[in-house]
Protein backbone atom coordinates (compact mmCIF):
# COMPACT_ATOMS: atom_id res chain seq x y z
CA MET A 1 -14.24 1.44 1.52
CA GLN A 2 -12.81 -1.35 0.08
CA ILE A 3 -9.06 -0.84 -0.76
CA ILE A 4 -7.06 -2.65 -3.10
CA ASN A 5 -3.31 -2.99 -3.20
CA PHE A 6 -0.86 -3.59 -5.66
CA HIS A 7 2.82 -3.93 -5.80
CA GLY A 8 5.23 -4.59 -8.99
CA VAL A 9 3.90 -4.28 -12.53
CA GLY A 10 5.65 -5.81 -15.69
CA ARG A 11 8.90 -7.45 -15.65
CA PRO A 12 10.86 -6.74 -12.37
CA GLU A 13 14.10 -4.89 -12.68
CA ARG A 14 15.52 -5.63 -9.08
CA VAL A 15 15.86 -8.77 -7.63
CA LEU A 16 12.97 -9.95 -5.90
CA GLU A 17 12.67 -10.65 -1.93
CA PRO A 18 11.44 -13.99 -1.16
CA GLY A 19 7.55 -14.33 -1.23
CA GLU A 20 7.19 -10.99 -3.91
CA GLY A 21 6.75 -12.90 -6.77
CA PRO A 22 2.82 -13.98 -6.64
CA PHE A 23 2.00 -10.07 -6.01
CA TRP A 24 3.99 -9.01 -9.41
CA LEU A 25 1.08 -8.67 -12.11
CA GLY A 26 2.03 -8.50 -15.94
CA THR A 27 1.05 -5.46 -17.56
CA GLU A 28 -2.01 -6.87 -19.56
CA GLN A 29 -3.29 -8.14 -16.39
CA PHE A 30 -2.88 -5.08 -14.35
CA ARG A 31 -4.71 -3.05 -17.27
CA PHE A 32 -7.55 -5.65 -17.45
CA LEU A 33 -7.82 -4.98 -13.42
CA LEU A 34 -7.95 -1.27 -13.66
CA ASP A 35 -10.50 -1.76 -16.45
CA GLN A 36 -12.85 -3.51 -13.66
CA ILE A 37 -11.87 -0.92 -11.15
CA ALA A 38 -12.86 1.97 -13.51
CA GLY A 39 -16.11 0.15 -14.37
CA HIS A 40 -17.39 -0.88 -11.35
CA ALA A 41 -20.37 -0.62 -10.22
CA ASP A 42 -19.12 0.40 -6.43
CA ARG A 43 -16.28 2.82 -8.21
CA GLY A 44 -16.88 5.36 -5.33
CA ASN A 45 -16.03 3.08 -2.60
CA LEU A 46 -13.03 1.44 -4.15
CA ALA A 47 -9.46 3.04 -3.27
CA ILE A 48 -6.07 1.79 -4.79
CA THR A 49 -2.64 1.78 -3.43
CA PHE A 50 0.78 0.93 -4.42
CA ASP A 51 3.65 -0.41 -1.98
CA ASP A 52 7.62 -0.89 -2.29
CA SER A 53 8.08 1.97 -4.73
CA ASN A 54 8.95 -0.11 -7.67
CA ILE A 55 9.79 1.99 -10.76
CA SER A 56 6.70 0.50 -12.50
CA ASP A 57 4.76 2.89 -10.14
CA LEU A 58 6.15 5.54 -12.46
CA THR A 59 6.56 3.97 -15.93
CA ILE A 60 3.34 1.70 -15.85
CA ALA A 61 1.05 2.09 -13.08
CA LEU A 62 0.97 6.30 -13.36
CA PRO A 63 -0.07 6.51 -17.01
CA GLU A 64 -2.81 3.83 -16.90
CA LEU A 65 -4.42 5.32 -14.09
CA LEU A 66 -4.46 8.60 -15.48
CA LYS A 67 -6.08 7.39 -18.82
CA ARG A 68 -8.69 5.97 -16.92
CA GLY A 69 -9.29 8.91 -14.51
CA LEU A 70 -8.20 6.94 -11.49
CA SER A 71 -5.89 8.08 -8.62
CA ALA A 72 -4.14 6.14 -5.98
CA SER A 73 -1.93 6.23 -3.09
CA PHE A 74 1.91 5.07 -3.49
CA PHE A 75 3.51 4.33 -0.19
CA VAL A 76 7.33 4.90 -0.65
CA LEU A 77 10.12 2.70 0.88
CA THR A 78 12.93 5.50 1.19
CA GLY A 79 15.72 3.69 1.62
CA ARG A 80 15.52 2.52 -1.87
CA LEU A 81 15.26 5.76 -3.60
CA GLY A 82 17.32 5.89 -6.43
CA HIS A 83 18.13 2.03 -6.26
CA PRO A 84 17.96 0.24 -9.72
CA GLY A 85 14.42 -0.91 -10.11
CA SER A 86 12.79 1.70 -7.79
CA LEU A 87 11.75 5.08 -7.94
CA ALA A 88 14.05 8.05 -7.57
CA ALA A 89 13.14 11.27 -5.45
CA ALA A 90 12.31 12.86 -8.84
CA ASP A 91 9.85 10.20 -9.59
CA VAL A 92 7.92 10.36 -6.17
CA ALA A 93 7.83 14.39 -6.99
CA GLU A 94 6.52 13.55 -10.32
CA LEU A 95 3.57 11.31 -8.89
CA HIS A 96 2.84 13.49 -6.57
CA ALA A 97 2.81 16.82 -8.79
CA CYS A 98 0.38 14.29 -11.01
CA GLY A 99 -2.34 13.90 -8.29
CA MET A 100 -1.43 11.20 -6.66
CA ALA A 101 -1.05 10.67 -2.84
CA ILE A 102 2.36 9.70 -1.26
CA GLY A 103 2.61 7.77 1.87
CA SER A 104 5.38 5.92 3.73
CA HIS A 105 6.38 2.21 3.56
CA GLY A 106 9.21 3.18 5.92
CA VAL A 107 13.01 3.16 5.14
CA ASP A 108 14.42 -0.69 4.54
CA HIS A 109 11.03 -2.59 4.35
CA SER A 110 11.77 -3.99 7.87
CA ASP A 111 9.23 -6.24 9.97
CA LEU A 112 8.61 -3.24 12.50
CA THR A 113 7.19 -5.79 15.10
CA LYS A 114 10.79 -6.83 15.54
CA LEU A 115 12.70 -3.32 15.90
CA SER A 116 13.56 -1.81 19.36
CA ALA A 117 11.79 1.33 20.38
CA THR A 118 14.55 3.48 19.13
CA ARG A 119 14.86 2.17 15.91
CA LEU A 120 11.45 2.08 15.29
CA ALA A 121 10.91 5.63 16.12
CA THR A 122 13.88 6.44 13.70
CA GLU A 123 12.42 4.51 11.01
CA LEU A 124 9.32 6.31 10.83
CA ALA A 125 10.62 10.01 11.50
CA GLN A 126 13.18 9.35 8.99
CA SER A 127 11.20 8.11 5.77
CA ARG A 128 8.34 10.78 6.87
CA ALA A 129 10.74 13.67 6.74
CA MET A 130 12.46 12.71 3.47
CA LEU A 131 8.98 12.24 1.86
CA GLU A 132 7.77 15.81 3.11
CA GLU A 133 10.82 17.35 2.07
CA ILE A 134 10.51 15.58 -1.98
CA CYS A 135 6.91 16.42 -1.61
CA GLY A 136 6.82 19.82 -0.11
CA SER A 137 3.70 18.81 1.86
CA GLU A 138 2.42 16.54 4.93
CA VAL A 139 2.74 13.22 4.61
CA ASN A 140 0.34 11.58 7.43
CA THR A 141 -0.39 7.90 6.08
CA PHE A 142 1.79 4.81 6.36
CA ALA A 143 1.30 1.24 4.90
CA ILE A 144 2.79 -1.48 7.34
CA PRO A 145 5.51 -3.67 5.95
CA PHE A 146 4.29 -7.66 5.22
CA GLY A 147 1.04 -6.30 7.16
CA ARG A 148 2.67 -7.15 10.29
CA TYR A 149 2.09 -5.26 13.60
CA ASN A 150 1.27 -4.76 17.23
CA ARG A 151 0.13 -2.66 19.85
CA GLU A 152 3.77 -0.93 20.11
CA VAL A 153 3.80 -0.38 16.39
CA LEU A 154 0.27 1.33 16.30
CA HIS A 155 1.71 3.51 19.16
CA SER A 156 4.66 4.34 17.40
CA LEU A 157 2.77 5.33 14.35
CA ARG A 158 0.73 7.50 16.12
CA ARG A 159 3.24 8.98 18.22
CA ALA A 160 5.12 9.98 14.68
CA GLY A 161 2.24 12.05 13.66
CA PHE A 162 0.51 9.47 11.15
CA SER A 163 -3.24 9.66 10.99
CA ALA A 164 -3.79 6.37 9.06
CA ALA A 165 -2.10 3.10 9.09
CA PHE A 166 -2.79 0.86 5.80
CA THR A 167 -2.63 -3.03 6.63
CA SER A 168 -2.96 -6.19 4.67
CA ASP A 169 -6.12 -7.60 6.86
CA GLY A 170 -8.36 -7.56 3.69
CA GLY A 171 -11.93 -6.25 4.81
CA ILE A 172 -13.77 -3.07 4.77
CA ALA A 173 -12.02 0.06 5.66
CA ARG A 174 -13.84 2.65 7.86
CA GLU A 175 -13.26 6.21 7.09
CA GLN A 176 -12.60 7.59 10.93
CA SER A 177 -10.62 4.44 11.72
CA PHE A 178 -7.00 4.73 12.06
CA LEU A 179 -6.13 0.97 10.85
CA LYS A 180 -7.30 0.79 7.11
CA PRO A 181 -7.39 -2.88 5.62
CA ARG A 182 -6.50 -3.77 2.47
CA ARG A 183 -6.90 -6.69 -0.07
CA SER A 184 -3.48 -7.14 -2.05
CA ILE A 185 -3.94 -8.35 -5.77
CA ARG A 186 -1.79 -11.42 -6.43
CA ASN A 187 -1.22 -12.77 -10.01
CA GLN A 188 -2.90 -16.06 -9.95
CA MET A 189 -6.13 -14.87 -8.41
CA SER A 190 -9.45 -16.04 -10.01
CA PRO A 191 -12.11 -14.04 -11.43
CA GLN A 192 -14.58 -14.84 -8.67
CA GLU A 193 -11.55 -14.05 -6.19
CA ILE A 194 -11.16 -10.40 -8.04
CA GLU A 195 -14.26 -9.56 -7.94
CA SER A 196 -14.84 -10.42 -4.15
CA ALA A 197 -12.05 -8.32 -3.37
CA LEU A 198 -13.50 -5.06 -5.52
CA SER A 199 -17.04 -5.75 -3.70
CA GLY A 200 -15.51 -6.70 -0.58
CA ARG A 201 -18.01 -9.19 -0.13
CA LEU A 202 -17.11 -12.19 2.32
CA PRO A 203 -18.81 -14.78 4.35
CA VAL A 204 -20.07 -13.84 7.47
CA LEU A 205 -17.73 -16.31 9.35
CA LYS A 206 -14.73 -15.05 7.37
CA ARG A 207 -15.38 -11.58 8.06
CA LEU A 208 -15.79 -12.24 11.73
CA ARG A 209 -12.36 -13.82 12.06
CA ARG A 210 -10.26 -10.97 10.20
CA ALA A 211 -11.94 -8.61 12.70
CA ALA A 212 -10.86 -11.09 15.44
CA GLY A 213 -7.43 -11.52 14.08
CA MET A 214 -7.00 -7.45 13.62
CA GLN A 215 -8.24 -6.77 17.45
CA LEU A 216 -5.83 -9.49 18.52
CA LYS A 217 -2.92 -8.09 16.51
CA GLN A 218 -3.82 -4.59 18.42
CA LEU A 219 -3.62 -6.10 21.85
CA SER A 220 -0.39 -8.31 21.26
């Protein structure tokens, strides 16, 4: 399966972190991409995710998804709930009630590889517990902030009870694999890059390099 990852859509309603700008899409660009996904020949092997719990998840993404009969997984930063430009707890509950999957993105959008073992365990447990209280159901998926992970991060995610960890590695996500690589959409991608993202087609050498990179992270 090819997993396509979005971040914010439209005009940001909060101050962006360094490096976030390229991952924000204009509303019309986002609608065009959803049309591409909805009409793609391999639509059954495409999945959609959203990171960072921006308010555009509710105000723009949700109605556009429903209009096209699409669903998505939304990975929520619980430390941002209720902050300007971000989802509130009631918004997360509404996404869930509309048939969207809810996963954790942590509490504070931290680089998990730089946290102590104690703080890492707390970050994972707190975010999961809060989301399960909001949704009234189990939350067992996690999107790794910045795509940065190592062996200890993966062990901690498993110990915390997560059944899948979504990354930013790119490539094909295997149904039974714990790690789920995704392709994040940027606002300056060419039509060829977008089609490559949707189809999952990569040159053999590039595919091997990505697989080797994932393996090295898991061993570090």
